PDB file of all heavy atoms in Angstrom:
ATOM      1  N   ASP A   1     -23.618  13.312 -20.630  1.00  0.00           N
ATOM      2  CA  ASP A   1     -24.398  12.097 -20.464  1.00  0.00           C
ATOM      3  C   ASP A   1     -23.689  10.853 -20.497  1.00  0.00           C
ATOM      4  O   ASP A   1     -24.275   9.857 -20.048  1.00  0.00           O
ATOM      5  CB  ASP A   1     -25.475  12.237 -21.542  1.00  0.00           C
ATOM      6  CG  ASP A   1     -26.435  13.359 -21.585  1.00  0.00           C
ATOM      7  OD1 ASP A   1     -26.706  13.852 -20.446  1.00  0.00           O
ATOM      8  OD2 ASP A   1     -26.759  13.838 -22.679  1.00  0.00           O
ATOM      9  N   THR A   2     -22.578  10.785 -20.853  1.00  0.00           N
ATOM     10  CA  THR A   2     -21.738   9.633 -21.022  1.00  0.00           C
ATOM     11  C   THR A   2     -20.448   9.484 -20.033  1.00  0.00           C
ATOM     12  O   THR A   2     -19.760   8.530 -20.113  1.00  0.00           O
ATOM     13  CB  THR A   2     -21.240   9.335 -22.334  1.00  0.00           C
ATOM     14  OG1 THR A   2     -20.362  10.419 -22.776  1.00  0.00           O
ATOM     15  CG2 THR A   2     -22.394   9.285 -23.413  1.00  0.00           C
ATOM     16  N   VAL A   3     -20.471  10.350 -18.945  1.00  0.00           N
ATOM     17  CA  VAL A   3     -19.449  10.290 -18.001  1.00  0.00           C
ATOM     18  C   VAL A   3     -19.723   8.960 -17.270  1.00  0.00           C
ATOM     19  O   VAL A   3     -20.680   8.801 -16.716  1.00  0.00           O
ATOM     20  CB  VAL A   3     -19.388  11.474 -17.057  1.00  0.00           C
ATOM     21  CG1 VAL A   3     -18.428  11.333 -15.866  1.00  0.00           C
ATOM     22  CG2 VAL A   3     -19.140  12.758 -17.823  1.00  0.00           C
ATOM     23  N   PRO A   4     -18.720   8.060 -17.189  1.00  0.00           N
ATOM     24  CA  PRO A   4     -18.769   6.671 -16.478  1.00  0.00           C
ATOM     25  C   PRO A   4     -18.994   6.941 -15.080  1.00  0.00           C
ATOM     26  O   PRO A   4     -18.297   7.738 -14.393  1.00  0.00           O
ATOM     27  CB  PRO A   4     -17.474   6.092 -16.856  1.00  0.00           C
ATOM     28  CG  PRO A   4     -16.941   6.704 -17.860  1.00  0.00           C
ATOM     29  CD  PRO A   4     -17.315   8.157 -17.872  1.00  0.00           C
ATOM     30  N   PRO A   5     -19.998   6.343 -14.410  1.00  0.00           N
ATOM     31  CA  PRO A   5     -20.221   6.486 -12.878  1.00  0.00           C
ATOM     32  C   PRO A   5     -18.997   5.990 -12.163  1.00  0.00           C
ATOM     33  O   PRO A   5     -18.699   6.588 -11.142  1.00  0.00           O
ATOM     34  CB  PRO A   5     -21.510   5.555 -12.670  1.00  0.00           C
ATOM     35  CG  PRO A   5     -22.214   5.463 -13.978  1.00  0.00           C
ATOM     36  CD  PRO A   5     -21.084   5.514 -14.938  1.00  0.00           C
ATOM     37  N   THR A   6     -18.199   5.144 -12.781  1.00  0.00           N
ATOM     38  CA  THR A   6     -17.011   4.647 -12.106  1.00  0.00           C
ATOM     39  C   THR A   6     -16.014   5.802 -11.955  1.00  0.00           C
ATOM     40  O   THR A   6     -15.174   5.902 -11.003  1.00  0.00           O
ATOM     41  CB  THR A   6     -16.427   3.466 -12.748  1.00  0.00           C
ATOM     42  OG1 THR A   6     -17.520   2.451 -12.994  1.00  0.00           O
ATOM     43  CG2 THR A   6     -15.334   2.848 -12.061  1.00  0.00           C
ATOM     44  N   ALA A   7     -15.991   6.631 -12.918  1.00  0.00           N
ATOM     45  CA  ALA A   7     -15.093   7.815 -12.867  1.00  0.00           C
ATOM     46  C   ALA A   7     -15.358   8.704 -11.659  1.00  0.00           C
ATOM     47  O   ALA A   7     -14.454   9.084 -11.004  1.00  0.00           O
ATOM     48  CB  ALA A   7     -15.115   8.557 -14.133  1.00  0.00           C
ATOM     49  N   LEU A   8     -16.529   8.936 -11.485  1.00  0.00           N
ATOM     50  CA  LEU A   8     -17.005   9.828 -10.328  1.00  0.00           C
ATOM     51  C   LEU A   8     -16.615   9.055  -9.003  1.00  0.00           C
ATOM     52  O   LEU A   8     -16.293   9.596  -8.086  1.00  0.00           O
ATOM     53  CB  LEU A   8     -18.394  10.054 -10.446  1.00  0.00           C
ATOM     54  CG  LEU A   8     -18.981  11.066 -11.605  1.00  0.00           C
ATOM     55  CD1 LEU A   8     -20.404  11.094 -11.547  1.00  0.00           C
ATOM     56  CD2 LEU A   8     -18.302  12.342 -11.417  1.00  0.00           C
ATOM     57  N   THR A   9     -16.887   7.723  -8.922  1.00  0.00           N
ATOM     58  CA  THR A   9     -16.510   6.940  -7.632  1.00  0.00           C
ATOM     59  C   THR A   9     -15.115   7.114  -7.352  1.00  0.00           C
ATOM     60  O   THR A   9     -14.629   7.235  -6.242  1.00  0.00           O
ATOM     61  CB  THR A   9     -16.975   5.538  -7.829  1.00  0.00           C
ATOM     62  OG1 THR A   9     -18.478   5.443  -8.127  1.00  0.00           O
ATOM     63  CG2 THR A   9     -16.717   4.719  -6.609  1.00  0.00           C
ATOM     64  N   LEU A  10     -14.334   6.890  -8.569  1.00  0.00           N
ATOM     65  CA  LEU A  10     -12.799   6.999  -8.266  1.00  0.00           C
ATOM     66  C   LEU A  10     -12.418   8.378  -7.832  1.00  0.00           C
ATOM     67  O   LEU A  10     -11.403   8.543  -7.009  1.00  0.00           O
ATOM     68  CB  LEU A  10     -12.256   6.589  -9.651  1.00  0.00           C
ATOM     69  CG  LEU A  10     -12.035   5.115  -9.805  1.00  0.00           C
ATOM     70  CD1 LEU A  10     -11.524   4.752 -11.347  1.00  0.00           C
ATOM     71  CD2 LEU A  10     -11.042   4.461  -8.803  1.00  0.00           C
ATOM     72  N   MET A  11     -13.104   9.305  -8.315  1.00  0.00           N
ATOM     73  CA  MET A  11     -12.695  10.710  -8.025  1.00  0.00           C
ATOM     74  C   MET A  11     -12.963  10.981  -6.441  1.00  0.00           C
ATOM     75  O   MET A  11     -12.032  11.460  -5.666  1.00  0.00           O
ATOM     76  CB  MET A  11     -13.434  11.654  -8.897  1.00  0.00           C
ATOM     77  CG  MET A  11     -13.077  13.197  -8.504  1.00  0.00           C
ATOM     78  SD  MET A  11     -14.410  14.412  -8.886  1.00  0.00           S
ATOM     79  CE  MET A  11     -15.681  14.157  -7.722  1.00  0.00           C
ATOM     80  N   TRP A  12     -14.132  10.537  -5.994  1.00  0.00           N
ATOM     81  CA  TRP A  12     -14.423  10.692  -4.593  1.00  0.00           C
ATOM     82  C   TRP A  12     -13.355   9.832  -3.780  1.00  0.00           C
ATOM     83  O   TRP A  12     -12.994  10.331  -2.702  1.00  0.00           O
ATOM     84  CB  TRP A  12     -15.832  10.297  -4.328  1.00  0.00           C
ATOM     85  CG  TRP A  12     -16.798  11.255  -4.887  1.00  0.00           C
ATOM     86  CD1 TRP A  12     -17.804  10.986  -5.730  1.00  0.00           C
ATOM     87  CD2 TRP A  12     -17.040  12.700  -4.530  1.00  0.00           C
ATOM     88  NE1 TRP A  12     -18.614  12.165  -6.091  1.00  0.00           N
ATOM     89  CE2 TRP A  12     -18.070  13.234  -5.318  1.00  0.00           C
ATOM     90  CE3 TRP A  12     -16.457  13.550  -3.570  1.00  0.00           C
ATOM     91  CZ2 TRP A  12     -18.556  14.465  -5.229  1.00  0.00           C
ATOM     92  CZ3 TRP A  12     -16.892  14.857  -3.544  1.00  0.00           C
ATOM     93  CH2 TRP A  12     -17.902  15.295  -4.247  1.00  0.00           C
ATOM     94  N   ALA A  13     -13.215   8.731  -4.164  1.00  0.00           N
ATOM     95  CA  ALA A  13     -12.297   7.775  -3.332  1.00  0.00           C
ATOM     96  C   ALA A  13     -10.872   8.401  -3.407  1.00  0.00           C
ATOM     97  O   ALA A  13     -10.217   8.417  -2.373  1.00  0.00           O
ATOM     98  CB  ALA A  13     -12.275   6.418  -4.051  1.00  0.00           C
ATOM     99  N   GLY A  14     -10.373   8.961  -4.615  1.00  0.00           N
ATOM    100  CA  GLY A  14      -9.162   9.384  -4.541  1.00  0.00           C
ATOM    101  C   GLY A  14      -9.032  10.784  -3.730  1.00  0.00           C
ATOM    102  O   GLY A  14      -8.028  10.930  -2.922  1.00  0.00           O
ATOM    103  N   LEU A  15      -9.957  11.533  -3.776  1.00  0.00           N
ATOM    104  CA  LEU A  15      -9.929  12.787  -2.896  1.00  0.00           C
ATOM    105  C   LEU A  15      -9.993  12.378  -1.440  1.00  0.00           C
ATOM    106  O   LEU A  15      -9.215  13.087  -0.636  1.00  0.00           O
ATOM    107  CB  LEU A  15     -11.137  13.738  -3.172  1.00  0.00           C
ATOM    108  CG  LEU A  15     -11.240  14.374  -4.587  1.00  0.00           C
ATOM    109  CD1 LEU A  15     -12.601  15.133  -4.579  1.00  0.00           C
ATOM    110  CD2 LEU A  15     -10.046  15.150  -4.861  1.00  0.00           C
ATOM    111  N   THR A  16     -10.645  11.409  -1.069  1.00  0.00           N
ATOM    112  CA  THR A  16     -10.652  10.986   0.419  1.00  0.00           C
ATOM    113  C   THR A  16      -9.422  10.519   0.797  1.00  0.00           C
ATOM    114  O   THR A  16      -8.999  10.816   1.914  1.00  0.00           O
ATOM    115  CB  THR A  16     -11.886   9.903   0.517  1.00  0.00           C
ATOM    116  OG1 THR A  16     -13.076  10.408   0.148  1.00  0.00           O
ATOM    117  CG2 THR A  16     -11.840   9.430   2.005  1.00  0.00           C
ATOM    118  N   VAL A  17      -8.825   9.644   0.043  1.00  0.00           N
ATOM    119  CA  VAL A  17      -7.483   9.097   0.288  1.00  0.00           C
ATOM    120  C   VAL A  17      -6.412  10.233   0.330  1.00  0.00           C
ATOM    121  O   VAL A  17      -5.502  10.272   1.281  1.00  0.00           O
ATOM    122  CB  VAL A  17      -7.121   7.962  -0.661  1.00  0.00           C
ATOM    123  CG1 VAL A  17      -5.646   7.496  -0.331  1.00  0.00           C
ATOM    124  CG2 VAL A  17      -8.000   6.853  -0.597  1.00  0.00           C
ATOM    125  N   LEU A  18      -6.492  11.181  -0.562  1.00  0.00           N
ATOM    126  CA  LEU A  18      -5.546  12.346  -0.503  1.00  0.00           C
ATOM    127  C   LEU A  18      -5.627  13.206   0.884  1.00  0.00           C
ATOM    128  O   LEU A  18      -4.703  13.703   1.417  1.00  0.00           O
ATOM    129  CB  LEU A  18      -5.830  13.135  -1.644  1.00  0.00           C
ATOM    130  CG  LEU A  18      -5.201  12.646  -3.096  1.00  0.00           C
ATOM    131  CD1 LEU A  18      -5.818  13.597  -4.174  1.00  0.00           C
ATOM    132  CD2 LEU A  18      -3.712  12.881  -2.957  1.00  0.00           C
ATOM    133  N   ILE A  19      -6.899  13.323   1.168  1.00  0.00           N
ATOM    134  CA  ILE A  19      -7.267  14.034   2.341  1.00  0.00           C
ATOM    135  C   ILE A  19      -6.660  13.392   3.596  1.00  0.00           C
ATOM    136  O   ILE A  19      -6.085  14.141   4.492  1.00  0.00           O
ATOM    137  CB  ILE A  19      -8.721  14.487   2.502  1.00  0.00           C
ATOM    138  CG1 ILE A  19      -9.166  15.446   1.549  1.00  0.00           C
ATOM    139  CG2 ILE A  19      -9.051  15.052   3.885  1.00  0.00           C
ATOM    140  CD1 ILE A  19     -10.709  15.438   1.423  1.00  0.00           C
ATOM    141  N   ILE A  20      -7.006  12.154   3.743  1.00  0.00           N
ATOM    142  CA  ILE A  20      -6.358  11.366   4.855  1.00  0.00           C
ATOM    143  C   ILE A  20      -4.792  11.416   4.798  1.00  0.00           C
ATOM    144  O   ILE A  20      -4.153  11.498   5.820  1.00  0.00           O
ATOM    145  CB  ILE A  20      -6.939   9.954   4.929  1.00  0.00           C
ATOM    146  CG1 ILE A  20      -8.536  10.089   5.069  1.00  0.00           C
ATOM    147  CG2 ILE A  20      -6.301   9.066   5.976  1.00  0.00           C
ATOM    148  CD1 ILE A  20      -9.167   8.756   4.935  1.00  0.00           C
ATOM    149  N   GLY A  21      -4.282  11.042   3.680  1.00  0.00           N
ATOM    150  CA  GLY A  21      -2.830  11.046   3.521  1.00  0.00           C
ATOM    151  C   GLY A  21      -2.114  12.359   3.988  1.00  0.00           C
ATOM    152  O   GLY A  21      -1.091  12.296   4.667  1.00  0.00           O
ATOM    153  N   ASN A  22      -2.744  13.461   3.486  1.00  0.00           N
ATOM    154  CA  ASN A  22      -2.181  14.722   3.862  1.00  0.00           C
ATOM    155  C   ASN A  22      -2.224  14.950   5.385  1.00  0.00           C
ATOM    156  O   ASN A  22      -1.300  15.459   5.918  1.00  0.00           O
ATOM    157  CB  ASN A  22      -2.928  15.769   3.175  1.00  0.00           C
ATOM    158  CG  ASN A  22      -2.444  17.214   3.329  1.00  0.00           C
ATOM    159  OD1 ASN A  22      -1.581  17.698   2.760  1.00  0.00           O
ATOM    160  ND2 ASN A  22      -2.930  17.914   4.314  1.00  0.00           N
ATOM    161  N   GLY A  23      -3.197  14.471   5.951  1.00  0.00           N
ATOM    162  CA  GLY A  23      -3.320  14.596   7.524  1.00  0.00           C
ATOM    163  C   GLY A  23      -2.212  14.038   8.185  1.00  0.00           C
ATOM    164  O   GLY A  23      -1.712  14.438   9.241  1.00  0.00           O
ATOM    165  N   PHE A  24      -1.757  12.877   7.688  1.00  0.00           N
ATOM    166  CA  PHE A  24      -0.452  12.175   8.329  1.00  0.00           C
ATOM    167  C   PHE A  24       0.791  12.864   7.894  1.00  0.00           C
ATOM    168  O   PHE A  24       1.732  12.973   8.651  1.00  0.00           O
ATOM    169  CB  PHE A  24      -0.615  10.663   7.864  1.00  0.00           C
ATOM    170  CG  PHE A  24      -1.522   9.808   8.646  1.00  0.00           C
ATOM    171  CD1 PHE A  24      -2.607   9.397   8.031  1.00  0.00           C
ATOM    172  CD2 PHE A  24      -1.346   9.355   9.832  1.00  0.00           C
ATOM    173  CE1 PHE A  24      -3.562   8.668   8.652  1.00  0.00           C
ATOM    174  CE2 PHE A  24      -2.171   8.568  10.519  1.00  0.00           C
ATOM    175  CZ  PHE A  24      -3.312   8.251   9.865  1.00  0.00           C
ATOM    176  N   PHE A  25       0.887  13.307   6.738  1.00  0.00           N
ATOM    177  CA  PHE A  25       2.107  13.674   6.126  1.00  0.00           C
ATOM    178  C   PHE A  25       2.500  15.220   6.612  1.00  0.00           C
ATOM    179  O   PHE A  25       3.580  15.388   7.157  1.00  0.00           O
ATOM    180  CB  PHE A  25       2.048  13.596   4.621  1.00  0.00           C
ATOM    181  CG  PHE A  25       3.382  13.826   3.851  1.00  0.00           C
ATOM    182  CD1 PHE A  25       4.200  12.807   3.469  1.00  0.00           C
ATOM    183  CD2 PHE A  25       3.856  15.165   3.795  1.00  0.00           C
ATOM    184  CE1 PHE A  25       5.350  13.016   2.840  1.00  0.00           C
ATOM    185  CE2 PHE A  25       4.989  15.424   3.114  1.00  0.00           C
ATOM    186  CZ  PHE A  25       5.883  14.373   2.732  1.00  0.00           C
ATOM    187  N   LYS A  26       1.641  16.102   6.285  1.00  0.00           N
ATOM    188  CA  LYS A  26       1.869  17.426   6.420  1.00  0.00           C
ATOM    189  C   LYS A  26       2.414  17.928   7.813  1.00  0.00           C
ATOM    190  O   LYS A  26       3.493  18.598   7.916  1.00  0.00           O
ATOM    191  CB  LYS A  26       0.614  18.210   5.889  1.00  0.00           C
ATOM    192  CG  LYS A  26       0.953  19.712   5.844  1.00  0.00           C
ATOM    193  CD  LYS A  26       2.072  19.930   4.765  1.00  0.00           C
ATOM    194  CE  LYS A  26       2.314  21.572   4.737  1.00  0.00           C
ATOM    195  NZ  LYS A  26       3.483  21.864   3.880  1.00  0.00           N
ATOM    196  N   PRO A  27       1.699  17.631   8.888  1.00  0.00           N
ATOM    197  CA  PRO A  27       2.136  18.266  10.136  1.00  0.00           C
ATOM    198  C   PRO A  27       3.380  17.621  10.667  1.00  0.00           C
ATOM    199  O   PRO A  27       4.218  18.196  11.382  1.00  0.00           O
ATOM    200  CB  PRO A  27       0.899  18.021  11.121  1.00  0.00           C
ATOM    201  CG  PRO A  27       0.270  16.745  10.519  1.00  0.00           C
ATOM    202  CD  PRO A  27       0.400  16.907   9.032  1.00  0.00           C
ATOM    203  N   ASN A  28       3.723  16.347  10.327  1.00  0.00           N
ATOM    204  CA  ASN A  28       4.702  15.496  10.964  1.00  0.00           C
ATOM    205  C   ASN A  28       6.035  15.850  10.172  1.00  0.00           C
ATOM    206  O   ASN A  28       7.170  15.702  10.889  1.00  0.00           O
ATOM    207  CB  ASN A  28       4.262  14.065  10.786  1.00  0.00           C
ATOM    208  CG  ASN A  28       3.170  13.797  11.717  1.00  0.00           C
ATOM    209  OD1 ASN A  28       3.026  14.215  12.902  1.00  0.00           O
ATOM    210  ND2 ASN A  28       2.183  13.069  11.237  1.00  0.00           N
ATOM    211  N   ILE A  29       6.046  16.164   8.953  1.00  0.00           N
ATOM    212  CA  ILE A  29       7.402  16.443   8.336  1.00  0.00           C
ATOM    213  C   ILE A  29       7.778  17.761   8.794  1.00  0.00           C
ATOM    214  O   ILE A  29       9.008  18.078   8.989  1.00  0.00           O
ATOM    215  CB  ILE A  29       7.287  16.276   6.828  1.00  0.00           C
ATOM    216  CG1 ILE A  29       8.777  16.444   6.232  1.00  0.00           C
ATOM    217  CG2 ILE A  29       6.403  17.470   6.279  1.00  0.00           C
ATOM    218  CD1 ILE A  29       8.799  15.963   4.829  1.00  0.00           C
ATOM    219  N   SER A  30       6.868  18.707   9.059  1.00  0.00           N
ATOM    220  CA  SER A  30       7.320  20.117   9.459  1.00  0.00           C
ATOM    221  C   SER A  30       7.952  20.044  10.874  1.00  0.00           C
ATOM    222  O   SER A  30       8.814  20.609  11.216  1.00  0.00           O
ATOM    223  CB  SER A  30       6.215  21.019   9.471  1.00  0.00           C
ATOM    224  OG  SER A  30       5.623  21.142   8.193  1.00  0.00           O
ATOM    225  N   THR A  31       7.271  19.107  11.736  1.00  0.00           N
ATOM    226  CA  THR A  31       7.864  18.894  13.109  1.00  0.00           C
ATOM    227  C   THR A  31       9.285  18.258  13.014  1.00  0.00           C
ATOM    228  O   THR A  31      10.026  18.703  13.910  1.00  0.00           O
ATOM    229  CB  THR A  31       6.855  17.798  13.956  1.00  0.00           C
ATOM    230  OG1 THR A  31       5.475  18.520  13.858  1.00  0.00           O
ATOM    231  CG2 THR A  31       7.349  17.645  15.282  1.00  0.00           C
ATOM    232  N   MET A  32       9.666  17.433  12.041  1.00  0.00           N
ATOM    233  CA  MET A  32      10.889  16.856  12.151  1.00  0.00           C
ATOM    234  C   MET A  32      12.041  17.976  11.876  1.00  0.00           C
ATOM    235  O   MET A  32      13.103  17.701  12.175  1.00  0.00           O
ATOM    236  CB  MET A  32      10.973  15.777  11.007  1.00  0.00           C
ATOM    237  CG  MET A  32      10.176  14.557  11.370  1.00  0.00           C
ATOM    238  SD  MET A  32      10.493  13.182  10.306  1.00  0.00           S
ATOM    239  CE  MET A  32      12.129  12.680  11.081  1.00  0.00           C
ATOM    240  N   VAL A  33      11.581  19.054  11.248  1.00  0.00           N
ATOM    241  CA  VAL A  33      12.645  20.127  11.012  1.00  0.00           C
ATOM    242  C   VAL A  33      13.258  20.598  12.242  1.00  0.00           C
ATOM    243  O   VAL A  33      14.386  20.682  12.547  1.00  0.00           O
ATOM    244  CB  VAL A  33      12.122  21.259  10.133  1.00  0.00           C
ATOM    245  CG1 VAL A  33      13.169  22.328   9.944  1.00  0.00           C
ATOM    246  CG2 VAL A  33      11.629  20.725   8.774  1.00  0.00           C
ATOM    247  N   GLY A  34      12.360  20.825  13.153  1.00  0.00           N
ATOM    248  CA  GLY A  34      12.690  21.320  14.598  1.00  0.00           C
ATOM    249  C   GLY A  34      13.573  20.428  15.331  1.00  0.00           C
ATOM    250  O   GLY A  34      14.298  20.664  16.121  1.00  0.00           O
ATOM    251  N   GLN A  35      13.091  19.143  15.134  1.00  0.00           N
ATOM    252  CA  GLN A  35      13.841  18.001  15.942  1.00  0.00           C
ATOM    253  C   GLN A  35      15.222  17.725  15.497  1.00  0.00           C
ATOM    254  O   GLN A  35      15.949  17.028  16.289  1.00  0.00           O
ATOM    255  CB  GLN A  35      12.932  16.731  15.682  1.00  0.00           C
ATOM    256  CG  GLN A  35      11.571  16.881  16.388  1.00  0.00           C
ATOM    257  CD  GLN A  35      10.630  15.663  16.105  1.00  0.00           C
ATOM    258  OE1 GLN A  35      11.048  14.806  15.290  1.00  0.00           O
ATOM    259  NE2 GLN A  35       9.611  15.517  16.826  1.00  0.00           N
ATOM    260  N   LEU A  36      15.619  18.231  14.376  1.00  0.00           N
ATOM    261  CA  LEU A  36      17.122  18.084  13.954  1.00  0.00           C
ATOM    262  C   LEU A  36      18.064  18.945  14.812  1.00  0.00           C
ATOM    263  O   LEU A  36      19.262  18.626  14.702  1.00  0.00           O
ATOM    264  CB  LEU A  36      17.285  18.449  12.547  1.00  0.00           C
ATOM    265  CG  LEU A  36      16.492  17.648  11.458  1.00  0.00           C
ATOM    266  CD1 LEU A  36      16.604  18.295  10.063  1.00  0.00           C
ATOM    267  CD2 LEU A  36      17.001  16.238  11.418  1.00  0.00           C
ATOM    268  N   TYR A  37      17.561  19.969  15.612  1.00  0.00           N
ATOM    269  CA  TYR A  37      18.396  20.883  16.248  1.00  0.00           C
ATOM    270  C   TYR A  37      18.324  20.883  17.585  1.00  0.00           C
ATOM    271  O   TYR A  37      17.156  20.645  18.304  1.00  0.00           O
ATOM    272  CB  TYR A  37      18.065  22.308  15.675  1.00  0.00           C
ATOM    273  CG  TYR A  37      18.281  22.438  14.279  1.00  0.00           C
ATOM    274  CD1 TYR A  37      17.254  22.183  13.414  1.00  0.00           C
ATOM    275  CD2 TYR A  37      19.374  22.879  13.752  1.00  0.00           C
ATOM    276  CE1 TYR A  37      17.486  22.337  11.941  1.00  0.00           C
ATOM    277  CE2 TYR A  37      19.603  23.180  12.437  1.00  0.00           C
ATOM    278  CZ  TYR A  37      18.742  22.783  11.545  1.00  0.00           C
ATOM    279  OH  TYR A  37      18.829  22.860  10.083  1.00  0.00           O
ATOM    280  N   PRO A  38      19.329  21.086  18.464  1.00  0.00           N
ATOM    281  CA  PRO A  38      19.232  21.140  19.859  1.00  0.00           C
ATOM    282  C   PRO A  38      18.408  22.265  20.435  1.00  0.00           C
ATOM    283  O   PRO A  38      18.193  23.328  19.649  1.00  0.00           O
ATOM    284  CB  PRO A  38      20.591  21.269  20.515  1.00  0.00           C
ATOM    285  CG  PRO A  38      21.430  21.829  19.316  1.00  0.00           C
ATOM    286  CD  PRO A  38      20.612  21.287  17.969  1.00  0.00           C
ATOM    287  N   LYS A  39      17.845  22.156  21.487  1.00  0.00           N
ATOM    288  CA  LYS A  39      16.971  23.295  22.112  1.00  0.00           C
ATOM    289  C   LYS A  39      17.739  24.477  22.206  1.00  0.00           C
ATOM    290  O   LYS A  39      18.822  24.632  22.675  1.00  0.00           O
ATOM    291  CB  LYS A  39      16.424  22.976  23.429  1.00  0.00           C
ATOM    292  CG  LYS A  39      15.472  23.890  24.089  1.00  0.00           C
ATOM    293  CD  LYS A  39      14.762  23.395  25.167  1.00  0.00           C
ATOM    294  CE  LYS A  39      13.723  24.309  25.825  1.00  0.00           C
ATOM    295  NZ  LYS A  39      13.219  23.923  27.069  1.00  0.00           N
TER     296      LYS A  39
END
């Protein structure tokens, strides 16, 4: 009954930012591995 509403807001905001950030980070670092080598 005493969980601060701000805590829930921060949780949703944090999850949203994590999801967006992962979208930029994850596929592009894997791509760079292949780019280090000649065809």
